[in-house]
Amino acid sequence: MLRPVDTPAEGQPAPTSRQRWMGALAKADPELLESTMSAHAHTQFTWLRRPETGLAMVRGRIGGTGDRFNLGEVTVTRCVLRLAGGLTGVAYVQGRSRRKCELAALADALLQDASMHDEIFRTVVEPAARAQAAEDLARRQRAQATKVEFFTVARETGP
């Protein structure tokens, strides 16, 4: 049976939730993922697509809102796995870390399991999101410290 894209299947979290947790997992520190997912290392799964590394084109916009242009390429690793129960986990991470990609895909699959969702969200996604928020704040503070205020001085023209 087909259903609209924004309507979750029965017992599944809303798509916006999955987008958020996949973003947090993709940006998470590999050591954080390794430590928080260690309790689930025994989880059985089969590979649908083993971790593989390639390039993706990064696009920008002139002035942030104008015409698009190709900024450059970035290395990306992706994989897809399926748990014994049939849930599928997907991950795309920046860089070449196959292990990080595997852990992110495993976490994605476990987060789709209603019985595991709250535990994985609390122990893996929330710490990753907090660490990213702290890093973003520190980056903004470092940038703010180098900000230069310019002002215009009107010059009088002579006779």
N, C-alpha and C. Protein backbone atom coordinates (compact mmCIF):
# COMPACT_ATOMS: atom_id res chain seq x y z
N MET A 1 0.84 -1.18 0.00
CA MET A 1 0.00 0.00 0.00
C MET A 1 0.88 1.24 0.00
N LEU A 2 0.62 2.18 -0.88
CA LEU A 2 1.38 3.41 -0.96
C LEU A 2 0.82 4.44 0.00
N ARG A 3 1.69 5.28 0.50
CA ARG A 3 1.26 6.35 1.41
C ARG A 3 2.04 7.60 1.05
N PRO A 4 1.48 8.78 1.37
CA PRO A 4 2.20 10.03 1.08
C PRO A 4 3.55 10.04 1.80
N VAL A 5 4.51 10.73 1.21
CA VAL A 5 5.88 10.77 1.75
C VAL A 5 5.93 11.29 3.17
N ASP A 6 5.14 12.34 3.51
CA ASP A 6 5.25 12.90 4.86
C ASP A 6 4.41 12.17 5.88
N THR A 7 3.72 11.11 5.51
CA THR A 7 2.94 10.35 6.48
C THR A 7 3.76 9.14 6.91
N PRO A 8 4.15 9.06 8.19
CA PRO A 8 4.97 7.93 8.61
C PRO A 8 4.16 6.64 8.66
N ALA A 9 4.82 5.52 8.47
CA ALA A 9 4.18 4.23 8.62
C ALA A 9 3.79 4.05 10.08
N GLU A 10 2.84 3.18 10.34
CA GLU A 10 2.36 2.97 11.70
C GLU A 10 3.53 2.59 12.61
N GLY A 11 3.64 3.27 13.73
CA GLY A 11 4.70 2.99 14.69
C GLY A 11 6.05 3.61 14.34
N GLN A 12 6.13 4.35 13.24
CA GLN A 12 7.39 4.97 12.82
C GLN A 12 7.41 6.44 13.21
N PRO A 13 8.60 6.99 13.54
CA PRO A 13 8.70 8.41 13.85
C PRO A 13 8.47 9.25 12.59
N ALA A 14 8.12 10.51 12.79
CA ALA A 14 7.88 11.43 11.67
C ALA A 14 9.16 11.64 10.87
N PRO A 15 9.05 11.89 9.57
CA PRO A 15 10.25 12.08 8.74
C PRO A 15 11.17 13.19 9.24
N THR A 16 10.62 14.27 9.78
CA THR A 16 11.49 15.34 10.25
C THR A 16 12.37 14.86 11.39
N SER A 17 11.87 13.95 12.23
CA SER A 17 12.68 13.40 13.30
C SER A 17 13.84 12.60 12.73
N ARG A 18 13.56 11.79 11.70
CA ARG A 18 14.63 10.98 11.11
C ARG A 18 15.66 11.88 10.45
N GLN A 19 15.23 12.93 9.79
CA GLN A 19 16.18 13.85 9.18
C GLN A 19 17.10 14.45 10.23
N ARG A 20 16.54 14.79 11.37
CA ARG A 20 17.34 15.40 12.44
C ARG A 20 18.35 14.40 13.00
N TRP A 21 17.89 13.17 13.28
CA TRP A 21 18.84 12.23 13.87
C TRP A 21 19.88 11.79 12.85
N MET A 22 19.53 11.70 11.58
CA MET A 22 20.53 11.34 10.58
C MET A 22 21.57 12.45 10.43
N GLY A 23 21.14 13.71 10.53
CA GLY A 23 22.07 14.82 10.49
C GLY A 23 23.01 14.80 11.69
N ALA A 24 22.46 14.53 12.86
CA ALA A 24 23.29 14.47 14.07
C ALA A 24 24.29 13.31 13.99
N LEU A 25 23.84 12.16 13.48
CA LEU A 25 24.73 11.00 13.35
C LEU A 25 25.82 11.26 12.32
N ALA A 26 25.48 11.91 11.21
CA ALA A 26 26.45 12.18 10.15
C ALA A 26 27.54 13.14 10.62
N LYS A 27 27.19 14.07 11.51
CA LYS A 27 28.15 15.06 11.99
C LYS A 27 28.83 14.66 13.30
N ALA A 28 28.42 13.56 13.89
CA ALA A 28 28.94 13.15 15.20
C ALA A 28 30.42 12.81 15.14
N ASP A 29 31.08 13.02 16.24
CA ASP A 29 32.48 12.65 16.39
C ASP A 29 32.59 11.13 16.36
N PRO A 30 33.51 10.55 15.58
CA PRO A 30 33.61 9.08 15.50
C PRO A 30 33.84 8.40 16.85
N GLU A 31 34.63 9.02 17.72
CA GLU A 31 34.88 8.42 19.04
C GLU A 31 33.61 8.41 19.88
N LEU A 32 32.80 9.45 19.76
CA LEU A 32 31.52 9.51 20.49
C LEU A 32 30.60 8.40 20.00
N LEU A 33 30.50 8.21 18.69
CA LEU A 33 29.68 7.13 18.15
C LEU A 33 30.19 5.78 18.62
N GLU A 34 31.48 5.59 18.58
CA GLU A 34 32.08 4.31 19.00
C GLU A 34 31.74 4.00 20.45
N SER A 35 31.87 4.99 21.32
CA SER A 35 31.62 4.75 22.75
C SER A 35 30.13 4.57 23.05
N THR A 36 29.27 5.36 22.41
CA THR A 36 27.84 5.27 22.72
C THR A 36 27.17 4.07 22.05
N MET A 37 27.72 3.59 20.96
CA MET A 37 27.13 2.44 20.27
C MET A 37 27.77 1.11 20.68
N SER A 38 28.74 1.14 21.60
CA SER A 38 29.44 -0.09 21.99
C SER A 38 28.50 -1.14 22.57
N ALA A 39 27.43 -0.71 23.23
CA ALA A 39 26.48 -1.66 23.81
C ALA A 39 25.69 -2.41 22.73
N HIS A 40 25.70 -1.89 21.52
CA HIS A 40 24.92 -2.50 20.42
C HIS A 40 25.82 -3.13 19.37
N ALA A 41 27.09 -3.33 19.71
CA ALA A 41 28.05 -3.89 18.76
C ALA A 41 27.70 -5.33 18.36
N HIS A 42 26.94 -6.02 19.19
CA HIS A 42 26.57 -7.41 18.92
C HIS A 42 25.38 -7.53 17.97
N THR A 43 24.75 -6.44 17.62
CA THR A 43 23.56 -6.46 16.77
C THR A 43 23.87 -7.08 15.41
N GLN A 44 23.08 -8.07 15.03
CA GLN A 44 23.27 -8.76 13.75
C GLN A 44 22.63 -7.97 12.61
N PHE A 45 23.34 -7.87 11.50
CA PHE A 45 22.80 -7.21 10.32
C PHE A 45 23.46 -7.79 9.08
N THR A 46 22.87 -7.51 7.93
CA THR A 46 23.48 -7.88 6.65
C THR A 46 23.69 -6.60 5.85
N TRP A 47 24.74 -6.60 5.07
CA TRP A 47 25.04 -5.44 4.25
C TRP A 47 24.18 -5.44 3.00
N LEU A 48 23.53 -4.34 2.73
CA LEU A 48 22.89 -4.13 1.44
C LEU A 48 23.86 -3.37 0.53
N ARG A 49 24.66 -2.50 1.14
CA ARG A 49 25.74 -1.78 0.45
C ARG A 49 26.82 -1.54 1.49
N ARG A 50 27.95 -2.20 1.32
CA ARG A 50 29.07 -2.02 2.25
C ARG A 50 29.57 -0.57 2.18
N PRO A 51 30.24 -0.10 3.23
CA PRO A 51 30.75 1.27 3.19
C PRO A 51 31.66 1.50 1.99
N GLU A 52 31.37 2.55 1.24
CA GLU A 52 32.18 2.90 0.09
C GLU A 52 32.36 4.41 0.07
N THR A 53 33.53 4.82 -0.39
CA THR A 53 33.90 6.23 -0.38
C THR A 53 33.91 6.77 -1.81
N GLY A 54 33.41 7.97 -1.96
CA GLY A 54 33.39 8.63 -3.26
C GLY A 54 33.39 10.14 -3.07
N LEU A 55 33.08 10.84 -4.13
CA LEU A 55 33.06 12.30 -4.09
C LEU A 55 31.65 12.81 -4.37
N ALA A 56 31.32 13.91 -3.74
CA ALA A 56 30.05 14.59 -3.99
C ALA A 56 30.35 16.06 -4.28
N MET A 57 29.63 16.63 -5.22
CA MET A 57 29.81 18.03 -5.57
C MET A 57 29.08 18.90 -4.55
N VAL A 58 29.77 19.89 -4.03
CA VAL A 58 29.19 20.85 -3.10
C VAL A 58 28.84 22.09 -3.89
N ARG A 59 27.60 22.53 -3.75
CA ARG A 59 27.16 23.72 -4.48
C ARG A 59 26.92 24.86 -3.51
N GLY A 60 27.15 26.05 -3.97
CA GLY A 60 26.91 27.25 -3.18
C GLY A 60 25.97 28.17 -3.93
N ARG A 61 25.62 29.28 -3.30
CA ARG A 61 24.79 30.29 -3.94
C ARG A 61 25.49 31.64 -3.80
N ILE A 62 25.48 32.38 -4.87
CA ILE A 62 26.09 33.71 -4.85
C ILE A 62 25.34 34.57 -3.84
N GLY A 63 26.05 35.12 -2.89
CA GLY A 63 25.43 35.95 -1.86
C GLY A 63 24.52 35.18 -0.92
N GLY A 64 24.57 33.86 -0.97
CA GLY A 64 23.74 33.04 -0.09
C GLY A 64 22.34 32.77 -0.63
N THR A 65 21.87 33.58 -1.56
CA THR A 65 20.51 33.39 -2.09
C THR A 65 20.45 33.48 -3.61
N GLY A 66 21.55 33.80 -4.24
CA GLY A 66 21.55 34.02 -5.69
C GLY A 66 21.71 32.75 -6.50
N ASP A 67 22.31 32.90 -7.67
CA ASP A 67 22.52 31.77 -8.57
C ASP A 67 23.43 30.73 -7.95
N ARG A 68 23.18 29.47 -8.31
CA ARG A 68 24.00 28.37 -7.81
C ARG A 68 25.30 28.27 -8.61
N PHE A 69 26.34 27.79 -7.92
CA PHE A 69 27.61 27.52 -8.59
C PHE A 69 28.27 26.33 -7.90
N ASN A 70 29.11 25.60 -8.62
CA ASN A 70 29.82 24.46 -8.06
C ASN A 70 31.00 24.97 -7.25
N LEU A 71 30.98 24.69 -5.96
CA LEU A 71 32.03 25.16 -5.06
C LEU A 71 33.23 24.23 -5.09
N GLY A 72 32.98 22.93 -5.14
CA GLY A 72 34.07 21.95 -5.15
C GLY A 72 33.54 20.59 -4.76
N GLU A 73 34.44 19.65 -4.60
CA GLU A 73 34.06 18.28 -4.24
C GLU A 73 34.45 17.98 -2.81
N VAL A 74 33.68 17.09 -2.19
CA VAL A 74 33.95 16.66 -0.83
C VAL A 74 33.89 15.13 -0.81
N THR A 75 34.74 14.52 0.00
CA THR A 75 34.75 13.07 0.14
C THR A 75 33.60 12.65 1.03
N VAL A 76 32.85 11.63 0.58
CA VAL A 76 31.68 11.13 1.31
C VAL A 76 31.74 9.61 1.35
N THR A 77 31.39 9.04 2.50
CA THR A 77 31.28 7.59 2.64
C THR A 77 29.83 7.25 2.91
N ARG A 78 29.34 6.19 2.26
CA ARG A 78 27.94 5.80 2.43
C ARG A 78 27.85 4.30 2.62
N CYS A 79 26.74 3.87 3.26
CA CYS A 79 26.46 2.44 3.38
C CYS A 79 24.99 2.24 3.72
N VAL A 80 24.53 1.01 3.51
CA VAL A 80 23.15 0.62 3.83
C VAL A 80 23.22 -0.77 4.44
N LEU A 81 22.51 -0.97 5.56
CA LEU A 81 22.47 -2.29 6.19
C LEU A 81 21.04 -2.63 6.58
N ARG A 82 20.78 -3.91 6.78
CA ARG A 82 19.45 -4.37 7.19
C ARG A 82 19.59 -5.24 8.43
N LEU A 83 18.81 -4.90 9.45
CA LEU A 83 18.78 -5.69 10.68
C LEU A 83 18.02 -6.99 10.43
N ALA A 84 18.19 -7.95 11.33
CA ALA A 84 17.51 -9.24 11.20
C ALA A 84 16.00 -9.07 11.14
N GLY A 85 15.46 -8.05 11.80
CA GLY A 85 14.02 -7.80 11.81
C GLY A 85 13.51 -7.12 10.55
N GLY A 86 14.40 -6.74 9.64
CA GLY A 86 13.98 -6.14 8.38
C GLY A 86 14.14 -4.63 8.30
N LEU A 87 14.47 -3.96 9.41
CA LEU A 87 14.67 -2.50 9.38
C LEU A 87 15.96 -2.17 8.65
N THR A 88 15.93 -1.12 7.85
CA THR A 88 17.08 -0.72 7.05
C THR A 88 17.68 0.56 7.59
N GLY A 89 19.00 0.56 7.76
CA GLY A 89 19.72 1.75 8.21
C GLY A 89 20.60 2.29 7.10
N VAL A 90 20.60 3.60 6.94
CA VAL A 90 21.34 4.28 5.88
C VAL A 90 22.23 5.34 6.52
N ALA A 91 23.41 5.55 5.95
CA ALA A 91 24.26 6.62 6.44
C ALA A 91 25.11 7.19 5.31
N TYR A 92 25.24 8.49 5.31
CA TYR A 92 26.16 9.23 4.46
C TYR A 92 26.94 10.13 5.40
N VAL A 93 28.27 9.99 5.42
CA VAL A 93 29.08 10.82 6.30
C VAL A 93 30.20 11.46 5.50
N GLN A 94 30.58 12.66 5.89
CA GLN A 94 31.67 13.35 5.22
C GLN A 94 32.98 12.71 5.64
N GLY A 95 33.85 12.49 4.69
CA GLY A 95 35.15 11.91 4.99
C GLY A 95 35.23 10.45 4.58
N ARG A 96 36.28 9.77 5.08
CA ARG A 96 36.57 8.40 4.67
C ARG A 96 36.35 7.37 5.77
N SER A 97 35.73 7.74 6.87
CA SER A 97 35.59 6.82 7.99
C SER A 97 34.50 5.77 7.75
N ARG A 98 34.92 4.58 7.36
CA ARG A 98 33.98 3.49 7.12
C ARG A 98 33.31 3.06 8.42
N ARG A 99 34.06 3.04 9.50
CA ARG A 99 33.50 2.62 10.79
C ARG A 99 32.43 3.61 11.26
N LYS A 100 32.69 4.90 11.14
CA LYS A 100 31.70 5.91 11.52
C LYS A 100 30.44 5.73 10.70
N CYS A 101 30.59 5.48 9.42
CA CYS A 101 29.45 5.28 8.54
C CYS A 101 28.65 4.05 8.97
N GLU A 102 29.33 2.97 9.28
CA GLU A 102 28.67 1.74 9.74
C GLU A 102 27.89 1.99 11.03
N LEU A 103 28.51 2.67 11.99
CA LEU A 103 27.84 2.95 13.26
C LEU A 103 26.63 3.86 13.08
N ALA A 104 26.76 4.84 12.21
CA ALA A 104 25.64 5.75 11.95
C ALA A 104 24.48 5.00 11.30
N ALA A 105 24.76 4.10 10.37
CA ALA A 105 23.71 3.31 9.73
C ALA A 105 23.05 2.36 10.73
N LEU A 106 23.85 1.76 11.60
CA LEU A 106 23.30 0.86 12.63
C LEU A 106 22.40 1.65 13.58
N ALA A 107 22.84 2.82 13.99
CA ALA A 107 22.02 3.67 14.86
C ALA A 107 20.73 4.07 14.15
N ASP A 108 20.81 4.40 12.86
CA ASP A 108 19.61 4.77 12.10
C ASP A 108 18.61 3.62 12.10
N ALA A 109 19.07 2.41 11.87
CA ALA A 109 18.17 1.26 11.85
C ALA A 109 17.56 1.02 13.23
N LEU A 110 18.37 1.11 14.28
CA LEU A 110 17.85 0.88 15.64
C LEU A 110 16.87 1.98 16.05
N LEU A 111 17.09 3.20 15.59
CA LEU A 111 16.17 4.29 15.91
C LEU A 111 14.80 4.09 15.28
N GLN A 112 14.72 3.33 14.23
CA GLN A 112 13.43 3.05 13.59
C GLN A 112 12.65 1.96 14.31
N ASP A 113 13.31 1.23 15.22
CA ASP A 113 12.66 0.20 16.01
C ASP A 113 12.01 0.89 17.22
N ALA A 114 10.68 0.78 17.31
CA ALA A 114 9.94 1.47 18.38
C ALA A 114 10.44 1.08 19.77
N SER A 115 10.88 -0.17 19.96
CA SER A 115 11.33 -0.61 21.28
C SER A 115 12.71 -0.07 21.63
N MET A 116 13.50 0.33 20.63
CA MET A 116 14.86 0.82 20.87
C MET A 116 14.99 2.33 20.71
N HIS A 117 14.00 2.96 20.07
CA HIS A 117 14.12 4.36 19.68
C HIS A 117 14.51 5.28 20.84
N ASP A 118 13.76 5.24 21.94
CA ASP A 118 14.01 6.18 23.04
C ASP A 118 15.41 6.01 23.63
N GLU A 119 15.83 4.76 23.81
CA GLU A 119 17.15 4.51 24.39
C GLU A 119 18.26 5.02 23.47
N ILE A 120 18.19 4.69 22.18
CA ILE A 120 19.23 5.12 21.24
C ILE A 120 19.23 6.64 21.09
N PHE A 121 18.03 7.22 21.05
CA PHE A 121 17.95 8.67 20.92
C PHE A 121 18.59 9.34 22.12
N ARG A 122 18.30 8.84 23.33
CA ARG A 122 18.82 9.44 24.55
C ARG A 122 20.32 9.22 24.71
N THR A 123 20.82 8.04 24.34
CA THR A 123 22.22 7.71 24.60
C THR A 123 23.17 8.02 23.44
N VAL A 124 22.63 8.17 22.23
CA VAL A 124 23.51 8.40 21.08
C VAL A 124 23.24 9.76 20.42
N VAL A 125 21.99 10.00 20.01
CA VAL A 125 21.68 11.20 19.24
C VAL A 125 21.79 12.47 20.08
N GLU A 126 21.20 12.45 21.27
CA GLU A 126 21.24 13.67 22.10
C GLU A 126 22.67 14.07 22.48
N PRO A 127 23.54 13.14 22.92
CA PRO A 127 24.92 13.56 23.21
C PRO A 127 25.64 14.10 21.96
N ALA A 128 25.38 13.50 20.80
CA ALA A 128 26.00 13.99 19.56
C ALA A 128 25.50 15.39 19.23
N ALA A 129 24.21 15.62 19.38
CA ALA A 129 23.64 16.95 19.09
C ALA A 129 24.17 17.99 20.07
N ARG A 130 24.29 17.62 21.35
CA ARG A 130 24.84 18.56 22.35
C ARG A 130 26.29 18.91 22.03
N ALA A 131 27.08 17.91 21.66
CA ALA A 131 28.49 18.16 21.33
C ALA A 131 28.60 19.06 20.10
N GLN A 132 27.75 18.86 19.12
CA GLN A 132 27.76 19.70 17.92
C GLN A 132 27.34 21.12 18.24
N ALA A 133 26.34 21.28 19.10
CA ALA A 133 25.89 22.61 19.49
C ALA A 133 27.00 23.36 20.22
N ALA A 134 27.72 22.66 21.10
CA ALA A 134 28.83 23.28 21.83
C ALA A 134 29.95 23.67 20.87
N GLU A 135 30.24 22.83 19.90
CA GLU A 135 31.27 23.13 18.91
C GLU A 135 30.87 24.31 18.04
N ASP A 136 29.60 24.37 17.64
CA ASP A 136 29.11 25.49 16.84
C ASP A 136 29.21 26.80 17.62
N LEU A 137 28.84 26.76 18.91
CA LEU A 137 28.93 27.96 19.75
C LEU A 137 30.38 28.43 19.87
N ALA A 138 31.30 27.49 20.10
CA ALA A 138 32.72 27.86 20.21
C ALA A 138 33.23 28.45 18.90
N ARG A 139 32.81 27.89 17.77
CA ARG A 139 33.22 28.41 16.47
C ARG A 139 32.69 29.83 16.26
N ARG A 140 31.42 30.06 16.63
CA ARG A 140 30.85 31.40 16.49
C ARG A 140 31.56 32.40 17.40
N GLN A 141 31.92 31.98 18.61
CA GLN A 141 32.62 32.87 19.53
C GLN A 141 34.01 33.22 19.02
N ARG A 142 34.71 32.23 18.44
CA ARG A 142 36.02 32.53 17.86
C ARG A 142 35.90 33.49 16.69
N ALA A 143 34.88 33.30 15.87
CA ALA A 143 34.68 34.21 14.74
C ALA A 143 34.31 35.61 15.22
N GLN A 144 33.47 35.69 16.24
CA GLN A 144 33.04 36.98 16.77
C GLN A 144 34.23 37.75 17.35
N ALA A 145 35.19 37.04 17.92
CA ALA A 145 36.36 37.69 18.50
C ALA A 145 37.22 38.37 17.44
N THR A 146 37.10 37.95 16.20
CA THR A 146 37.91 38.54 15.14
C THR A 146 37.13 39.55 14.30
N LYS A 147 35.90 39.80 14.67
CA LYS A 147 35.06 40.71 13.90
C LYS A 147 35.58 42.14 13.99
N VAL A 148 35.60 42.79 12.87
CA VAL A 148 36.05 44.18 12.81
C VAL A 148 34.85 45.04 12.44
N GLU A 149 34.64 46.09 13.21
CA GLU A 149 33.54 47.03 12.93
C GLU A 149 34.08 48.16 12.07
N PHE A 150 33.50 48.33 10.91
CA PHE A 150 33.87 49.43 10.03
C PHE A 150 32.78 50.49 10.07
N PHE A 151 33.19 51.72 9.97
CA PHE A 151 32.21 52.78 9.88
C PHE A 151 32.71 53.79 8.86
N THR A 152 31.80 54.54 8.34
CA THR A 152 32.14 55.51 7.29
C THR A 152 32.27 56.89 7.92
N VAL A 153 33.33 57.56 7.58
CA VAL A 153 33.53 58.92 8.05
C VAL A 153 33.29 59.84 6.86
N ALA A 154 32.38 60.76 7.04
CA ALA A 154 32.10 61.71 5.95
C ALA A 154 33.23 62.73 5.90
N ARG A 155 33.76 62.93 4.71
CA ARG A 155 34.83 63.90 4.56
C ARG A 155 34.26 65.20 4.00
N GLU A 156 34.74 66.24 4.53
CA GLU A 156 34.34 67.54 3.98
C GLU A 156 35.22 67.83 2.77
N THR A 157 34.61 68.32 1.76
CA THR A 157 35.41 68.71 0.59
C THR A 157 35.75 70.19 0.71
N GLY A 158 36.91 70.50 0.34
CA GLY A 158 37.37 71.88 0.45
C GLY A 158 36.80 72.76 -0.66
N PRO A 159 36.92 74.13 -0.50
CA PRO A 159 36.39 75.06 -1.51
C PRO A 159 37.13 75.05 -2.79
